[in-house]
Amino acid sequence: MLNAIGDLFGVAILATFKVIMGLSFVTLISWLANSYWAEIIEFSI
């Protein structure tokens, strides 16, 4: 019984970690894209 709870807990932590990593990756990509486009716009003006 205790082992099953431990496994569930481990899976939950892993899932949470994956979600956090996914969100931070998306944030990083959008931030890079925004700063990239901002520099292009500044350069072309």
Protein backbone atom coordinates (compact mmCIF):
# COMPACT_ATOMS: atom_id res chain seq x y z
CA MET A 1 0.00 0.00 0.00
CA LEU A 2 2.72 2.43 1.00
CA ASN A 3 4.66 1.56 -2.15
CA ALA A 4 1.69 2.43 -4.38
CA ILE A 5 1.30 5.81 -2.66
CA GLY A 6 5.02 6.43 -3.14
CA ASP A 7 4.75 5.57 -6.84
CA LEU A 8 1.79 7.93 -7.26
CA PHE A 9 3.68 10.68 -5.48
CA GLY A 10 6.70 10.15 -7.73
CA VAL A 11 4.53 10.27 -10.86
CA ALA A 12 2.83 13.45 -9.64
CA ILE A 13 6.19 15.13 -8.98
CA LEU A 14 7.46 14.07 -12.40
CA ALA A 15 4.32 15.38 -14.13
CA THR A 16 4.53 18.69 -12.27
CA PHE A 17 8.20 19.00 -13.17
CA LYS A 18 7.43 18.33 -16.84
CA VAL A 19 4.66 20.95 -16.85
CA ILE A 20 6.94 23.54 -15.20
CA MET A 21 9.74 22.74 -17.65
CA GLY A 22 7.32 22.96 -20.58
CA LEU A 23 5.97 26.32 -19.43
CA SER A 24 9.41 27.80 -18.82
CA PHE A 25 10.54 26.51 -22.25
CA VAL A 26 7.56 28.16 -23.95
CA THR A 27 8.20 31.37 -22.00
CA LEU A 28 11.86 31.33 -23.02
CA ILE A 29 11.02 30.76 -26.70
CA SER A 30 8.41 33.54 -26.77
CA TRP A 31 10.78 35.90 -24.94
CA LEU A 32 13.56 35.16 -27.43
CA ALA A 33 11.16 35.65 -30.34
CA ASN A 34 9.91 38.96 -28.92
CA SER A 35 13.40 40.38 -28.35
CA TYR A 36 14.47 39.12 -31.80
CA TRP A 37 11.57 40.87 -33.52
CA ALA A 38 12.06 44.00 -31.39
CA GLU A 39 15.67 44.26 -32.55
CA ILE A 40 14.69 43.78 -36.19
CA ILE A 41 12.00 46.48 -35.89
CA GLU A 42 14.41 48.90 -34.20
CA PHE A 43 17.03 48.20 -36.86
CA SER A 44 14.62 48.78 -39.76
CA ILE A 45 13.23 52.07 -38.40
